[in-house]
Amino acid sequence: MNVAVLLLTTALVLVVAVLDAAGTGKLARLDGATYPAALTRAATAFTTVLTLAAVVVGALAALGAVVVGGVPSCR
């Protein structure tokens, strides 16, 4: 079950990152940016979402809030 939750969470983060990048690129084009500039903004937004997700996972792991094997890790 933990693997399923991990895969679904990863898929959700990737979908959110792609949607954010698409929205950012579209807004950049509506603002009058060239295609390369809009693509650069979209790529920056995509990597920002992935970086934020990695930071949240790292913070939760550092706090010991990540459940391992069905039992919260208590050290």
PDB file of N, CA and C in Angstrom:
ATOM      1  N   MET A   1       0.816  -1.194   0.000  1.00  0.00           N
ATOM      2  CA  MET A   1       0.000   0.000   0.000  1.00  0.00           C
ATOM      3  C   MET A   1       0.858   1.256   0.000  1.00  0.00           C
ATOM      4  N   ASN A   2       1.995   1.206   0.694  1.00  0.00           N
ATOM      5  CA  ASN A   2       2.867   2.379   0.738  1.00  0.00           C
ATOM      6  C   ASN A   2       3.402   2.731  -0.644  1.00  0.00           C
ATOM      7  N   VAL A   3       3.671   1.694  -1.441  1.00  0.00           N
ATOM      8  CA  VAL A   3       4.172   1.940  -2.798  1.00  0.00           C
ATOM      9  C   VAL A   3       3.090   2.613  -3.636  1.00  0.00           C
ATOM     10  N   ALA A   4       1.848   2.167  -3.465  1.00  0.00           N
ATOM     11  CA  ALA A   4       0.747   2.766  -4.221  1.00  0.00           C
ATOM     12  C   ALA A   4       0.567   4.238  -3.852  1.00  0.00           C
ATOM     13  N   VAL A   5       0.634   4.536  -2.569  1.00  0.00           N
ATOM     14  CA  VAL A   5       0.496   5.930  -2.123  1.00  0.00           C
ATOM     15  C   VAL A   5       1.645   6.772  -2.666  1.00  0.00           C
ATOM     16  N   LEU A   6       2.833   6.217  -2.651  1.00  0.00           N
ATOM     17  CA  LEU A   6       3.993   6.933  -3.171  1.00  0.00           C
ATOM     18  C   LEU A   6       3.835   7.226  -4.661  1.00  0.00           C
ATOM     19  N   LEU A   7       3.394   6.233  -5.425  1.00  0.00           N
ATOM     20  CA  LEU A   7       3.224   6.428  -6.867  1.00  0.00           C
ATOM     21  C   LEU A   7       2.100   7.418  -7.174  1.00  0.00           C
ATOM     22  N   LEU A   8       1.000   7.332  -6.449  1.00  0.00           N
ATOM     23  CA  LEU A   8      -0.092   8.273  -6.680  1.00  0.00           C
ATOM     24  C   LEU A   8       0.299   9.694  -6.297  1.00  0.00           C
ATOM     25  N   THR A   9       1.035   9.843  -5.217  1.00  0.00           N
ATOM     26  CA  THR A   9       1.492  11.169  -4.812  1.00  0.00           C
ATOM     27  C   THR A   9       2.458  11.753  -5.840  1.00  0.00           C
ATOM     28  N   THR A  10       3.350  10.913  -6.340  1.00  0.00           N
ATOM     29  CA  THR A  10       4.290  11.360  -7.371  1.00  0.00           C
ATOM     30  C   THR A  10       3.541  11.778  -8.634  1.00  0.00           C
ATOM     31  N   ALA A  11       2.555  10.987  -9.027  1.00  0.00           N
ATOM     32  CA  ALA A  11       1.763  11.336 -10.212  1.00  0.00           C
ATOM     33  C   ALA A  11       1.007  12.645 -10.005  1.00  0.00           C
ATOM     34  N   LEU A  12       0.457  12.839  -8.810  1.00  0.00           N
ATOM     35  CA  LEU A  12      -0.272  14.074  -8.525  1.00  0.00           C
ATOM     36  C   LEU A  12       0.654  15.289  -8.588  1.00  0.00           C
ATOM     37  N   VAL A  13       1.842  15.162  -8.025  1.00  0.00           N
ATOM     38  CA  VAL A  13       2.798  16.277  -8.060  1.00  0.00           C
ATOM     39  C   VAL A  13       3.196  16.589  -9.495  1.00  0.00           C
ATOM     40  N   LEU A  14       3.416  15.566 -10.306  1.00  0.00           N
ATOM     41  CA  LEU A  14       3.783  15.800 -11.706  1.00  0.00           C
ATOM     42  C   LEU A  14       2.641  16.452 -12.486  1.00  0.00           C
ATOM     43  N   VAL A  15       1.413  16.022 -12.235  1.00  0.00           N
ATOM     44  CA  VAL A  15       0.262  16.637 -12.920  1.00  0.00           C
ATOM     45  C   VAL A  15       0.130  18.100 -12.523  1.00  0.00           C
ATOM     46  N   VAL A  16       0.276  18.390 -11.240  1.00  0.00           N
ATOM     47  CA  VAL A  16       0.191  19.783 -10.780  1.00  0.00           C
ATOM     48  C   VAL A  16       1.312  20.616 -11.395  1.00  0.00           C
ATOM     49  N   ALA A  17       2.518  20.051 -11.479  1.00  0.00           N
ATOM     50  CA  ALA A  17       3.648  20.775 -12.057  1.00  0.00           C
ATOM     51  C   ALA A  17       3.409  21.069 -13.541  1.00  0.00           C
ATOM     52  N   VAL A  18       2.881  20.088 -14.268  1.00  0.00           N
ATOM     53  CA  VAL A  18       2.621  20.298 -15.701  1.00  0.00           C
ATOM     54  C   VAL A  18       1.511  21.333 -15.901  1.00  0.00           C
ATOM     55  N   LEU A  19       0.449  21.239 -15.097  1.00  0.00           N
ATOM     56  CA  LEU A  19      -0.629  22.227 -15.212  1.00  0.00           C
ATOM     57  C   LEU A  19      -0.141  23.634 -14.879  1.00  0.00           C
ATOM     58  N   ASP A  20       0.692  23.739 -13.869  1.00  0.00           N
ATOM     59  CA  ASP A  20       1.242  25.041 -13.512  1.00  0.00           C
ATOM     60  C   ASP A  20       2.122  25.590 -14.637  1.00  0.00           C
ATOM     61  N   ALA A  21       2.942  24.729 -15.216  1.00  0.00           N
ATOM     62  CA  ALA A  21       3.807  25.165 -16.313  1.00  0.00           C
ATOM     63  C   ALA A  21       2.985  25.586 -17.526  1.00  0.00           C
ATOM     64  N   ALA A  22       1.933  24.834 -17.833  1.00  0.00           N
ATOM     65  CA  ALA A  22       1.084  25.193 -18.974  1.00  0.00           C
ATOM     66  C   ALA A  22       0.388  26.532 -18.745  1.00  0.00           C
ATOM     67  N   GLY A  23      -0.112  26.735 -17.540  1.00  0.00           N
ATOM     68  CA  GLY A  23      -0.751  28.012 -17.222  1.00  0.00           C
ATOM     69  C   GLY A  23       0.221  29.173 -17.274  1.00  0.00           C
ATOM     70  N   THR A  24       1.414  28.949 -16.762  1.00  0.00           N
ATOM     71  CA  THR A  24       2.422  30.007 -16.789  1.00  0.00           C
ATOM     72  C   THR A  24       2.820  30.351 -18.216  1.00  0.00           C
ATOM     73  N   GLY A  25       3.003  29.326 -19.049  1.00  0.00           N
ATOM     74  CA  GLY A  25       3.348  29.572 -20.449  1.00  0.00           C
ATOM     75  C   GLY A  25       2.248  30.312 -21.192  1.00  0.00           C
ATOM     76  N   LYS A  26       1.000  29.927 -20.933  1.00  0.00           N
ATOM     77  CA  LYS A  26      -0.133  30.593 -21.587  1.00  0.00           C
ATOM     78  C   LYS A  26      -0.239  32.050 -21.157  1.00  0.00           C
ATOM     79  N   LEU A  27      -0.089  32.292 -19.841  1.00  0.00           N
ATOM     80  CA  LEU A  27      -0.142  33.677 -19.358  1.00  0.00           C
ATOM     81  C   LEU A  27       1.015  34.511 -19.908  1.00  0.00           C
ATOM     82  N   ALA A  28       2.177  33.874 -20.060  1.00  0.00           N
ATOM     83  CA  ALA A  28       3.313  34.602 -20.626  1.00  0.00           C
ATOM     84  C   ALA A  28       3.036  34.984 -22.079  1.00  0.00           C
ATOM     85  N   ARG A  29       2.432  34.060 -22.833  1.00  0.00           N
ATOM     86  CA  ARG A  29       2.109  34.373 -24.227  1.00  0.00           C
ATOM     87  C   ARG A  29       1.055  35.466 -24.311  1.00  0.00           C
ATOM     88  N   LEU A  30       0.061  35.425 -23.419  1.00  0.00           N
ATOM     89  CA  LEU A  30      -0.963  36.468 -23.414  1.00  0.00           C
ATOM     90  C   LEU A  30      -0.374  37.821 -23.037  1.00  0.00           C
ATOM     91  N   ASP A  31       0.709  37.787 -22.282  1.00  0.00           N
ATOM     92  CA  ASP A  31       1.380  39.017 -21.877  1.00  0.00           C
ATOM     93  C   ASP A  31       2.272  39.571 -22.989  1.00  0.00           C
ATOM     94  N   GLY A  32       2.424  38.800 -24.060  1.00  0.00           N
ATOM     95  CA  GLY A  32       3.204  39.278 -25.195  1.00  0.00           C
ATOM     96  C   GLY A  32       4.621  38.737 -25.258  1.00  0.00           C
ATOM     97  N   ALA A  33       4.928  37.730 -24.449  1.00  0.00           N
ATOM     98  CA  ALA A  33       6.273  37.152 -24.470  1.00  0.00           C
ATOM     99  C   ALA A  33       6.449  36.307 -25.736  1.00  0.00           C
ATOM    100  N   THR A  34       7.676  36.206 -26.188  1.00  0.00           N
ATOM    101  CA  THR A  34       7.962  35.348 -27.336  1.00  0.00           C
ATOM    102  C   THR A  34       7.860  33.884 -26.900  1.00  0.00           C
ATOM    103  N   TYR A  35       7.832  32.972 -27.880  1.00  0.00           N
ATOM    104  CA  TYR A  35       7.736  31.557 -27.549  1.00  0.00           C
ATOM    105  C   TYR A  35       8.918  31.076 -26.700  1.00  0.00           C
ATOM    106  N   PRO A  36      10.162  31.439 -27.028  1.00  0.00           N
ATOM    107  CA  PRO A  36      11.269  31.011 -26.165  1.00  0.00           C
ATOM    108  C   PRO A  36      11.166  31.562 -24.735  1.00  0.00           C
ATOM    109  N   ALA A  37      10.739  32.801 -24.601  1.00  0.00           N
ATOM    110  CA  ALA A  37      10.597  33.386 -23.272  1.00  0.00           C
ATOM    111  C   ALA A  37       9.473  32.710 -22.496  1.00  0.00           C
ATOM    112  N   ALA A  38       8.361  32.412 -23.175  1.00  0.00           N
ATOM    113  CA  ALA A  38       7.245  31.727 -22.522  1.00  0.00           C
ATOM    114  C   ALA A  38       7.651  30.317 -22.103  1.00  0.00           C
ATOM    115  N   LEU A  39       8.416  29.641 -22.942  1.00  0.00           N
ATOM    116  CA  LEU A  39       8.894  28.301 -22.605  1.00  0.00           C
ATOM    117  C   LEU A  39       9.841  28.339 -21.408  1.00  0.00           C
ATOM    118  N   THR A  40      10.676  29.362 -21.358  1.00  0.00           N
ATOM    119  CA  THR A  40      11.583  29.509 -20.228  1.00  0.00           C
ATOM    120  C   THR A  40      10.812  29.746 -18.937  1.00  0.00           C
ATOM    121  N   ARG A  41       9.786  30.573 -18.993  1.00  0.00           N
ATOM    122  CA  ARG A  41       8.967  30.816 -17.799  1.00  0.00           C
ATOM    123  C   ARG A  41       8.236  29.553 -17.378  1.00  0.00           C
ATOM    124  N   ALA A  42       7.730  28.805 -18.346  1.00  0.00           N
ATOM    125  CA  ALA A  42       7.023  27.559 -18.036  1.00  0.00           C
ATOM    126  C   ALA A  42       7.969  26.536 -17.406  1.00  0.00           C
ATOM    127  N   ALA A  43       9.175  26.426 -17.947  1.00  0.00           N
ATOM    128  CA  ALA A  43      10.154  25.489 -17.387  1.00  0.00           C
ATOM    129  C   ALA A  43      10.551  25.890 -15.971  1.00  0.00           C
ATOM    130  N   THR A  44      10.673  27.190 -15.748  1.00  0.00           N
ATOM    131  CA  THR A  44      10.999  27.668 -14.405  1.00  0.00           C
ATOM    132  C   THR A  44       9.881  27.336 -13.423  1.00  0.00           C
ATOM    133  N   ALA A  45       8.647  27.499 -13.836  1.00  0.00           N
ATOM    134  CA  ALA A  45       7.509  27.178 -12.975  1.00  0.00           C
ATOM    135  C   ALA A  45       7.462  25.678 -12.686  1.00  0.00           C
ATOM    136  N   PHE A  46       7.726  24.860 -13.693  1.00  0.00           N
ATOM    137  CA  PHE A  46       7.729  23.403 -13.524  1.00  0.00           C
ATOM    138  C   PHE A  46       8.775  22.979 -12.501  1.00  0.00           C
ATOM    139  N   THR A  47       9.985  23.482 -12.653  1.00  0.00           N
ATOM    140  CA  THR A  47      11.045  23.099 -11.715  1.00  0.00           C
ATOM    141  C   THR A  47      10.795  23.665 -10.322  1.00  0.00           C
ATOM    142  N   THR A  48      10.141  24.808 -10.234  1.00  0.00           N
ATOM    143  CA  THR A  48       9.820  25.377  -8.927  1.00  0.00           C
ATOM    144  C   THR A  48       8.846  24.495  -8.169  1.00  0.00           C
ATOM    145  N   VAL A  49       7.838  23.981  -8.853  1.00  0.00           N
ATOM    146  CA  VAL A  49       6.874  23.096  -8.198  1.00  0.00           C
ATOM    147  C   VAL A  49       7.555  21.813  -7.735  1.00  0.00           C
ATOM    148  N   LEU A  50       8.407  21.234  -8.567  1.00  0.00           N
ATOM    149  CA  LEU A  50       9.104  20.016  -8.175  1.00  0.00           C
ATOM    150  C   LEU A  50      10.062  20.266  -7.010  1.00  0.00           C
ATOM    151  N   THR A  51      10.734  21.416  -7.025  1.00  0.00           N
ATOM    152  CA  THR A  51      11.634  21.755  -5.928  1.00  0.00           C
ATOM    153  C   THR A  51      10.864  21.958  -4.629  1.00  0.00           C
ATOM    154  N   LEU A  52       9.736  22.635  -4.709  1.00  0.00           N
ATOM    155  CA  LEU A  52       8.904  22.835  -3.523  1.00  0.00           C
ATOM    156  C   LEU A  52       8.422  21.502  -2.956  1.00  0.00           C
ATOM    157  N   ALA A  53       8.018  20.587  -3.813  1.00  0.00           N
ATOM    158  CA  ALA A  53       7.584  19.267  -3.350  1.00  0.00           C
ATOM    159  C   ALA A  53       8.735  18.521  -2.678  1.00  0.00           C
ATOM    160  N   ALA A  54       9.930  18.619  -3.239  1.00  0.00           N
ATOM    161  CA  ALA A  54      11.091  17.958  -2.638  1.00  0.00           C
ATOM    162  C   ALA A  54      11.438  18.562  -1.283  1.00  0.00           C
ATOM    163  N   VAL A  55      11.310  19.871  -1.155  1.00  0.00           N
ATOM    164  CA  VAL A  55      11.586  20.535   0.121  1.00  0.00           C
ATOM    165  C   VAL A  55      10.579  20.104   1.182  1.00  0.00           C
ATOM    166  N   VAL A  56       9.309  19.997   0.804  1.00  0.00           N
ATOM    167  CA  VAL A  56       8.277  19.571   1.755  1.00  0.00           C
ATOM    168  C   VAL A  56       8.545  18.138   2.214  1.00  0.00           C
ATOM    169  N   VAL A  57       8.888  17.250   1.282  1.00  0.00           N
ATOM    170  CA  VAL A  57       9.194  15.867   1.649  1.00  0.00           C
ATOM    171  C   VAL A  57      10.421  15.815   2.550  1.00  0.00           C
ATOM    172  N   GLY A  58      11.432  16.599   2.241  1.00  0.00           N
ATOM    173  CA  GLY A  58      12.628  16.638   3.082  1.00  0.00           C
ATOM    174  C   GLY A  58      12.341  17.149   4.478  1.00  0.00           C
ATOM    175  N   ALA A  59      11.495  18.170   4.578  1.00  0.00           N
ATOM    176  CA  ALA A  59      11.147  18.710   5.887  1.00  0.00           C
ATOM    177  C   ALA A  59      10.348  17.699   6.699  1.00  0.00           C
ATOM    178  N   LEU A  60       9.408  17.023   6.051  1.00  0.00           N
ATOM    179  CA  LEU A  60       8.630  16.001   6.758  1.00  0.00           C
ATOM    180  C   LEU A  60       9.510  14.842   7.212  1.00  0.00           C
ATOM    181  N   ALA A  61      10.446  14.458   6.373  1.00  0.00           N
ATOM    182  CA  ALA A  61      11.353  13.371   6.748  1.00  0.00           C
ATOM    183  C   ALA A  61      12.250  13.791   7.912  1.00  0.00           C
ATOM    184  N   ALA A  62      12.689  15.030   7.909  1.00  0.00           N
ATOM    185  CA  ALA A  62      13.542  15.517   8.996  1.00  0.00           C
ATOM    186  C   ALA A  62      12.779  15.592  10.314  1.00  0.00           C
ATOM    187  N   LEU A  63      11.494  15.875  10.240  1.00  0.00           N
ATOM    188  CA  LEU A  63      10.678  15.931  11.445  1.00  0.00           C
ATOM    189  C   LEU A  63      10.236  14.553  11.917  1.00  0.00           C
ATOM    190  N   GLY A  64      10.479  13.542  11.103  1.00  0.00           N
ATOM    191  CA  GLY A  64      10.082  12.194  11.466  1.00  0.00           C
ATOM    192  C   GLY A  64       8.623  11.924  11.239  1.00  0.00           C
ATOM    193  N   ALA A  65       7.984  12.715  10.405  1.00  0.00           N
ATOM    194  CA  ALA A  65       6.558  12.557  10.161  1.00  0.00           C
ATOM    195  C   ALA A  65       6.261  11.575   9.042  1.00  0.00           C
ATOM    196  N   VAL A  66       7.283  11.048   8.412  1.00  0.00           N
ATOM    197  CA  VAL A  66       7.070  10.099   7.328  1.00  0.00           C
ATOM    198  C   VAL A  66       6.851   8.721   7.932  1.00  0.00           C
ATOM    199  N   VAL A  67       5.784   8.091   7.521  1.00  0.00           N
ATOM    200  CA  VAL A  67       5.446   6.773   8.041  1.00  0.00           C
ATOM    201  C   VAL A  67       6.220   5.728   7.264  1.00  0.00           C
ATOM    202  N   VAL A  68       6.921   4.847   7.991  1.00  0.00           N
ATOM    203  CA  VAL A  68       7.696   3.787   7.355  1.00  0.00           C
ATOM    204  C   VAL A  68       7.134   2.458   7.823  1.00  0.00           C
ATOM    205  N   GLY A  69       6.652   1.652   6.892  1.00  0.00           N
ATOM    206  CA  GLY A  69       6.130   0.348   7.238  1.00  0.00           C
ATOM    207  C   GLY A  69       4.867   0.391   8.083  1.00  0.00           C
ATOM    208  N   GLY A  70       4.072   1.441   7.985  1.00  0.00           N
ATOM    209  CA  GLY A  70       2.838   1.533   8.734  1.00  0.00           C
ATOM    210  C   GLY A  70       2.994   2.086  10.127  1.00  0.00           C
ATOM    211  N   VAL A  71       4.219   2.323  10.553  1.00  0.00           N
ATOM    212  CA  VAL A  71       4.469   2.849  11.907  1.00  0.00           C
ATOM    213  C   VAL A  71       5.242   4.149  11.778  1.00  0.00           C
ATOM    214  N   PRO A  72       4.779   5.210  12.415  1.00  0.00           N
ATOM    215  CA  PRO A  72       5.543   6.468  12.369  1.00  0.00           C
ATOM    216  C   PRO A  72       6.946   6.248  12.943  1.00  0.00           C
ATOM    217  N   SER A  73       7.919   6.806  12.267  1.00  0.00           N
ATOM    218  CA  SER A  73       9.291   6.630  12.726  1.00  0.00           C
ATOM    219  C   SER A  73       9.549   7.501  13.946  1.00  0.00           C
ATOM    220  N   CYS A  74       9.802   6.876  15.060  1.00  0.00           N
ATOM    221  CA  CYS A  74      10.084   7.564  16.314  1.00  0.00           C
ATOM    222  C   CYS A  74      11.511   7.297  16.712  1.00  0.00           C
ATOM    223  N   ARG A  75      12.325   8.291  16.738  1.00  0.00           N
ATOM    224  CA  ARG A  75      13.737   8.090  17.075  1.00  0.00           C
ATOM    225  C   ARG A  75      14.064   8.736  18.379  1.00  0.00           C
TER     226      ARG A  75
END
